[in-house]
PDB file of N, CA and C in Angstrom:
ATOM      1  N   UNK A   1       0.840  -1.182   0.000  1.00  0.00           N
ATOM      2  CA  UNK A   1       0.000   0.000   0.000  1.00  0.00           C
ATOM      3  C   UNK A   1       0.886   1.248   0.000  1.00  0.00           C
ATOM      4  N   UNK A   2       0.493   2.226  -0.796  1.00  0.00           N
ATOM      5  CA  UNK A   2       1.246   3.471  -0.911  1.00  0.00           C
ATOM      6  C   UNK A   2       0.953   4.340   0.311  1.00  0.00           C
ATOM      7  N   UNK A   3       1.982   4.971   0.846  1.00  0.00           N
ATOM      8  CA  UNK A   3       1.833   5.816   2.026  1.00  0.00           C
ATOM      9  C   UNK A   3       0.910   7.003   1.747  1.00  0.00           C
ATOM     10  N   UNK A   4       0.046   7.323   2.685  1.00  0.00           N
ATOM     11  CA  UNK A   4      -0.897   8.433   2.538  1.00  0.00           C
ATOM     12  C   UNK A   4      -0.176   9.765   2.319  1.00  0.00           C
ATOM     13  N   UNK A   5       0.963   9.949   2.953  1.00  0.00           N
ATOM     14  CA  UNK A   5       1.725  11.187   2.780  1.00  0.00           C
ATOM     15  C   UNK A   5       2.168  11.355   1.329  1.00  0.00           C
ATOM     16  N   UNK A   6       2.558  10.255   0.701  1.00  0.00           N
ATOM     17  CA  UNK A   6       2.977  10.286  -0.689  1.00  0.00           C
ATOM     18  C   UNK A   6       1.790  10.571  -1.604  1.00  0.00           C
ATOM     19  N   UNK A   7       0.661   9.947  -1.332  1.00  0.00           N
ATOM     20  CA  UNK A   7      -0.530  10.153  -2.146  1.00  0.00           C
ATOM     21  C   UNK A   7      -0.988  11.612  -2.129  1.00  0.00           C
ATOM     22  N   UNK A   8      -0.775  12.294  -1.019  1.00  0.00           N
ATOM     23  CA  UNK A   8      -1.183  13.695  -0.895  1.00  0.00           C
ATOM     24  C   UNK A   8      -0.374  14.622  -1.788  1.00  0.00           C
ATOM     25  N   UNK A   9       0.870  14.267  -2.079  1.00  0.00           N
ATOM     26  CA  UNK A   9       1.723  15.183  -2.847  1.00  0.00           C
ATOM     27  C   UNK A   9       1.882  14.799  -4.314  1.00  0.00           C
ATOM     28  N   UNK A  10       1.500  13.578  -4.677  1.00  0.00           N
ATOM     29  CA  UNK A  10       1.644  13.152  -6.069  1.00  0.00           C
ATOM     30  C   UNK A  10       0.624  13.830  -6.967  1.00  0.00           C
ATOM     31  N   UNK A  11       1.068  14.223  -8.159  1.00  0.00           N
ATOM     32  CA  UNK A  11       0.189  14.795  -9.174  1.00  0.00           C
ATOM     33  C   UNK A  11       0.497  14.123 -10.506  1.00  0.00           C
ATOM     34  N   UNK A  12      -0.408  14.269 -11.437  1.00  0.00           N
ATOM     35  CA  UNK A  12      -0.204  13.717 -12.771  1.00  0.00           C
ATOM     36  C   UNK A  12       0.979  14.433 -13.428  1.00  0.00           C
ATOM     37  N   UNK A  13       1.947  13.697 -13.952  1.00  0.00           N
ATOM     38  CA  UNK A  13       3.095  14.341 -14.572  1.00  0.00           C
ATOM     39  C   UNK A  13       2.753  15.049 -15.886  1.00  0.00           C
ATOM     40  N   UNK A  14       1.610  14.732 -16.456  1.00  0.00           N
ATOM     41  CA  UNK A  14       1.228  15.350 -17.732  1.00  0.00           C
ATOM     42  C   UNK A  14       0.497  16.682 -17.522  1.00  0.00           C
ATOM     43  N   UNK A  15      -0.518  16.690 -16.647  1.00  0.00           N
ATOM     44  CA  UNK A  15      -1.333  17.902 -16.474  1.00  0.00           C
ATOM     45  C   UNK A  15      -1.181  18.565 -15.102  1.00  0.00           C
ATOM     46  N   UNK A  16      -0.464  17.915 -14.210  1.00  0.00           N
ATOM     47  CA  UNK A  16      -0.261  18.389 -12.830  1.00  0.00           C
ATOM     48  C   UNK A  16      -1.545  18.385 -12.006  1.00  0.00           C
ATOM     49  N   UNK A  17      -2.537  17.618 -12.464  1.00  0.00           N
ATOM     50  CA  UNK A  17      -3.804  17.505 -11.744  1.00  0.00           C
ATOM     51  C   UNK A  17      -3.743  16.425 -10.671  1.00  0.00           C
ATOM     52  N   UNK A  18      -4.774  16.379  -9.869  1.00  0.00           N
ATOM     53  CA  UNK A  18      -4.862  15.394  -8.801  1.00  0.00           C
ATOM     54  C   UNK A  18      -5.078  13.985  -9.332  1.00  0.00           C
ATOM     55  N   UNK A  19      -4.706  13.011  -8.520  1.00  0.00           N
ATOM     56  CA  UNK A  19      -4.819  11.608  -8.896  1.00  0.00           C
ATOM     57  C   UNK A  19      -5.742  10.880  -7.936  1.00  0.00           C
ATOM     58  N   UNK A  20      -6.402   9.854  -8.432  1.00  0.00           N
ATOM     59  CA  UNK A  20      -7.268   9.006  -7.615  1.00  0.00           C
ATOM     60  C   UNK A  20      -6.572   7.659  -7.443  1.00  0.00           C
ATOM     61  N   UNK A  21      -6.481   7.205  -6.201  1.00  0.00           N
ATOM     62  CA  UNK A  21      -5.830   5.930  -5.896  1.00  0.00           C
ATOM     63  C   UNK A  21      -6.830   4.795  -6.036  1.00  0.00           C
ATOM     64  N   UNK A  22      -6.541   3.867  -6.950  1.00  0.00           N
ATOM     65  CA  UNK A  22      -7.373   2.680  -7.157  1.00  0.00           C
ATOM     66  C   UNK A  22      -6.675   1.507  -6.467  1.00  0.00           C
ATOM     67  N   UNK A  23      -7.102   1.196  -5.263  1.00  0.00           N
ATOM     68  CA  UNK A  23      -6.461   0.179  -4.434  1.00  0.00           C
ATOM     69  C   UNK A  23      -6.507  -1.203  -5.082  1.00  0.00           C
ATOM     70  N   UNK A  24      -7.672  -1.608  -5.582  1.00  0.00           N
ATOM     71  CA  UNK A  24      -7.800  -2.953  -6.162  1.00  0.00           C
ATOM     72  C   UNK A  24      -6.937  -3.141  -7.395  1.00  0.00           C
ATOM     73  N   UNK A  25      -6.849  -2.118  -8.242  1.00  0.00           N
ATOM     74  CA  UNK A  25      -6.057  -2.217  -9.467  1.00  0.00           C
ATOM     75  C   UNK A  25      -4.594  -1.840  -9.251  1.00  0.00           C
ATOM     76  N   UNK A  26      -4.279  -1.308  -8.079  1.00  0.00           N
ATOM     77  CA  UNK A  26      -2.925  -0.847  -7.760  1.00  0.00           C
ATOM     78  C   UNK A  26      -2.416   0.124  -8.812  1.00  0.00           C
ATOM     79  N   UNK A  27      -3.165   1.233  -8.963  1.00  0.00           N
ATOM     80  CA  UNK A  27      -2.762   2.272  -9.892  1.00  0.00           C
ATOM     81  C   UNK A  27      -3.316   3.618  -9.442  1.00  0.00           C
ATOM     82  N   UNK A  28      -2.700   4.668  -9.959  1.00  0.00           N
ATOM     83  CA  UNK A  28      -3.154   6.029  -9.726  1.00  0.00           C
ATOM     84  C   UNK A  28      -3.769   6.516 -11.022  1.00  0.00           C
ATOM     85  N   UNK A  29      -4.973   7.080 -10.938  1.00  0.00           N
ATOM     86  CA  UNK A  29      -5.717   7.471 -12.129  1.00  0.00           C
ATOM     87  C   UNK A  29      -5.855   8.987 -12.189  1.00  0.00           C
ATOM     88  N   UNK A  30      -5.574   9.543 -13.378  1.00  0.00           N
ATOM     89  CA  UNK A  30      -5.796  10.968 -13.624  1.00  0.00           C
ATOM     90  C   UNK A  30      -7.106  11.108 -14.384  1.00  0.00           C
ATOM     91  N   UNK A  31      -8.138  11.687 -13.750  1.00  0.00           N
ATOM     92  CA  UNK A  31      -9.426  11.825 -14.427  1.00  0.00           C
ATOM     93  C   UNK A  31      -9.400  12.848 -15.557  1.00  0.00           C
ATOM     94  N   UNK A  32      -8.448  13.771 -15.544  1.00  0.00           N
ATOM     95  CA  UNK A  32      -8.350  14.780 -16.598  1.00  0.00           C
ATOM     96  C   UNK A  32      -7.690  14.229 -17.856  1.00  0.00           C
ATOM     97  N   UNK A  33      -6.595  13.508 -17.700  1.00  0.00           N
ATOM     98  CA  UNK A  33      -5.854  12.965 -18.844  1.00  0.00           C
ATOM     99  C   UNK A  33      -6.347  11.591 -19.268  1.00  0.00           C
ATOM    100  N   UNK A  34      -7.142  10.960 -18.416  1.00  0.00           N
ATOM    101  CA  UNK A  34      -7.624   9.598 -18.647  1.00  0.00           C
ATOM    102  C   UNK A  34      -6.460   8.622 -18.794  1.00  0.00           C
ATOM    103  N   UNK A  35      -5.521   8.750 -17.857  1.00  0.00           N
ATOM    104  CA  UNK A  35      -4.360   7.869 -17.809  1.00  0.00           C
ATOM    105  C   UNK A  35      -4.285   7.202 -16.443  1.00  0.00           C
ATOM    106  N   UNK A  36      -3.797   5.967 -16.431  1.00  0.00           N
ATOM    107  CA  UNK A  36      -3.607   5.228 -15.179  1.00  0.00           C
ATOM    108  C   UNK A  36      -2.126   4.883 -15.043  1.00  0.00           C
ATOM    109  N   UNK A  37      -1.553   5.234 -13.902  1.00  0.00           N
ATOM    110  CA  UNK A  37      -0.146   4.965 -13.604  1.00  0.00           C
ATOM    111  C   UNK A  37      -0.077   3.786 -12.641  1.00  0.00           C
ATOM    112  N   UNK A  38       0.623   2.728 -13.024  1.00  0.00           N
ATOM    113  CA  UNK A  38       0.675   1.518 -12.201  1.00  0.00           C
ATOM    114  C   UNK A  38       1.560   1.738 -10.970  1.00  0.00           C
ATOM    115  N   UNK A  39       1.327   0.884  -9.991  1.00  0.00           N
ATOM    116  CA  UNK A  39       2.114   0.885  -8.762  1.00  0.00           C
ATOM    117  C   UNK A  39       2.768  -0.480  -8.652  1.00  0.00           C
ATOM    118  N   UNK A  40       4.086  -0.502  -8.556  1.00  0.00           N
ATOM    119  CA  UNK A  40       4.844  -1.747  -8.432  1.00  0.00           C
ATOM    120  C   UNK A  40       5.613  -1.739  -7.117  1.00  0.00           C
ATOM    121  N   UNK A  41       5.388  -2.746  -6.301  1.00  0.00           N
ATOM    122  CA  UNK A  41       6.062  -2.854  -5.000  1.00  0.00           C
ATOM    123  C   UNK A  41       5.918  -1.576  -4.185  1.00  0.00           C
ATOM    124  N   UNK A  42       4.701  -1.045  -4.168  1.00  0.00           N
ATOM    125  CA  UNK A  42       4.358   0.175  -3.425  1.00  0.00           C
ATOM    126  C   UNK A  42       5.036   1.432  -3.966  1.00  0.00           C
ATOM    127  N   UNK A  43       5.543   1.390  -5.184  1.00  0.00           N
ATOM    128  CA  UNK A  43       6.192   2.551  -5.803  1.00  0.00           C
ATOM    129  C   UNK A  43       5.430   2.923  -7.070  1.00  0.00           C
ATOM    130  N   UNK A  44       4.860   4.138  -7.121  1.00  0.00           N
ATOM    131  CA  UNK A  44       4.154   4.566  -8.331  1.00  0.00           C
ATOM    132  C   UNK A  44       5.133   4.786  -9.493  1.00  0.00           C
ATOM    133  N   UNK A  45       4.766   4.279 -10.659  1.00  0.00           N
ATOM    134  CA  UNK A  45       5.562   4.485 -11.874  1.00  0.00           C
ATOM    135  C   UNK A  45       4.927   5.683 -12.581  1.00  0.00           C
ATOM    136  N   UNK A  46       5.519   6.866 -12.393  1.00  0.00           N
ATOM    137  CA  UNK A  46       4.931   8.115 -12.858  1.00  0.00           C
ATOM    138  C   UNK A  46       5.529   8.599 -14.180  1.00  0.00           C
ATOM    139  N   UNK A  47       5.691   7.699 -15.122  1.00  0.00           N
ATOM    140  CA  UNK A  47       6.203   8.045 -16.446  1.00  0.00           C
ATOM    141  C   UNK A  47       5.035   8.094 -17.420  1.00  0.00           C
ATOM    142  N   UNK A  48       4.891   9.204 -18.127  1.00  0.00           N
ATOM    143  CA  UNK A  48       3.769   9.362 -19.056  1.00  0.00           C
ATOM    144  C   UNK A  48       3.765   8.252 -20.092  1.00  0.00           C
ATOM    145  N   UNK A  49       4.935   7.907 -20.616  1.00  0.00           N
ATOM    146  CA  UNK A  49       5.003   6.881 -21.653  1.00  0.00           C
ATOM    147  C   UNK A  49       4.685   5.478 -21.126  1.00  0.00           C
ATOM    148  N   UNK A  50       4.695   5.292 -19.818  1.00  0.00           N
ATOM    149  CA  UNK A  50       4.355   4.002 -19.203  1.00  0.00           C
ATOM    150  C   UNK A  50       2.896   3.945 -18.747  1.00  0.00           C
ATOM    151  N   UNK A  51       2.190   5.067 -18.822  1.00  0.00           N
ATOM    152  CA  UNK A  51       0.799   5.123 -18.358  1.00  0.00           C
ATOM    153  C   UNK A  51      -0.119   4.349 -19.295  1.00  0.00           C
ATOM    154  N   UNK A  52      -1.193   3.831 -18.703  1.00  0.00           N
ATOM    155  CA  UNK A  52      -2.194   3.082 -19.461  1.00  0.00           C
ATOM    156  C   UNK A  52      -3.387   3.985 -19.727  1.00  0.00           C
ATOM    157  N   UNK A  53      -3.796   4.122 -21.004  1.00  0.00           N
ATOM    158  CA  UNK A  53      -5.022   4.890 -21.286  1.00  0.00           C
ATOM    159  C   UNK A  53      -6.222   4.186 -20.666  1.00  0.00           C
ATOM    160  N   UNK A  54      -7.133   4.963 -20.142  1.00  0.00           N
ATOM    161  CA  UNK A  54      -8.329   4.407 -19.531  1.00  0.00           C
ATOM    162  C   UNK A  54      -9.383   4.266 -20.617  1.00  0.00           C
ATOM    163  N   UNK A  55      -9.741   3.048 -20.926  1.00  0.00           N
ATOM    164  CA  UNK A  55     -10.717   2.763 -21.980  1.00  0.00           C
ATOM    165  C   UNK A  55     -12.137   2.871 -21.437  1.00  0.00           C
ATOM    166  N   UNK A  56     -13.027   3.322 -22.293  1.00  0.00           N
ATOM    167  CA  UNK A  56     -14.442   3.326 -21.940  1.00  0.00           C
ATOM    168  C   UNK A  56     -14.897   4.482 -21.088  1.00  0.00           C
ATOM    169  N   UNK A  57     -14.039   5.443 -20.827  1.00  0.00           N
ATOM    170  CA  UNK A  57     -14.430   6.604 -20.036  1.00  0.00           C
ATOM    171  C   UNK A  57     -14.331   7.838 -20.915  1.00  0.00           C
ATOM    172  N   UNK A  58     -15.111   8.854 -20.563  1.00  0.00           N
ATOM    173  CA  UNK A  58     -15.064  10.105 -21.303  1.00  0.00           C
ATOM    174  C   UNK A  58     -14.502  11.183 -20.400  1.00  0.00           C
ATOM    175  N   UNK A  59     -13.988  12.220 -21.010  1.00  0.00           N
ATOM    176  CA  UNK A  59     -13.388  13.319 -20.240  1.00  0.00           C
ATOM    177  C   UNK A  59     -14.431  14.072 -19.435  1.00  0.00           C
ATOM    178  N   UNK A  60     -15.599  14.213 -19.957  1.00  0.00           N
ATOM    179  CA  UNK A  60     -16.645  14.958 -19.266  1.00  0.00           C
ATOM    180  C   UNK A  60     -17.651  13.998 -18.647  1.00  0.00           C
ATOM    181  N   UNK A  61     -17.851  14.132 -17.348  1.00  0.00           N
ATOM    182  CA  UNK A  61     -18.819  13.273 -16.675  1.00  0.00           C
ATOM    183  C   UNK A  61     -20.132  14.000 -16.430  1.00  0.00           C
ATOM    184  N   UNK A  62     -20.255  15.233 -16.964  1.00  0.00           N
ATOM    185  CA  UNK A  62     -21.476  16.004 -16.784  1.00  0.00           C
ATOM    186  C   UNK A  62     -22.579  15.449 -17.673  1.00  0.00           C
ATOM    187  N   UNK A  63     -23.765  15.359 -17.089  1.00  0.00           N
ATOM    188  CA  UNK A  63     -24.914  14.912 -17.868  1.00  0.00           C
ATOM    189  C   UNK A  63     -25.633  16.133 -18.417  1.00  0.00           C
ATOM    190  N   UNK A  64     -26.102  16.015 -19.654  1.00  0.00           N
ATOM    191  CA  UNK A  64     -26.799  17.147 -20.282  1.00  0.00           C
ATOM    192  C   UNK A  64     -28.287  16.960 -20.195  1.00  0.00           C
TER     193      UNK A  64
END
C-alpha cells in the first residue's frame, strides 16, 4: 500500500492535476488525462510513456 503522505503530494506528470488511488487495481488514475499509472512494490511508476489509457471513459462526466 502506498503511504498516505505520498498520495497527498503526487500529481499527474502530464497535467499536474490530482490523482485518484485505485487500491484494487494498484494504480493512480488521472481523471483529466484519462491515464492510469501503475504501482509496483508500493512505488508509483509516474512516467507518461508508461501510463495506461483508460478505456471506456469520457473526459466529461457532466450529464446534459
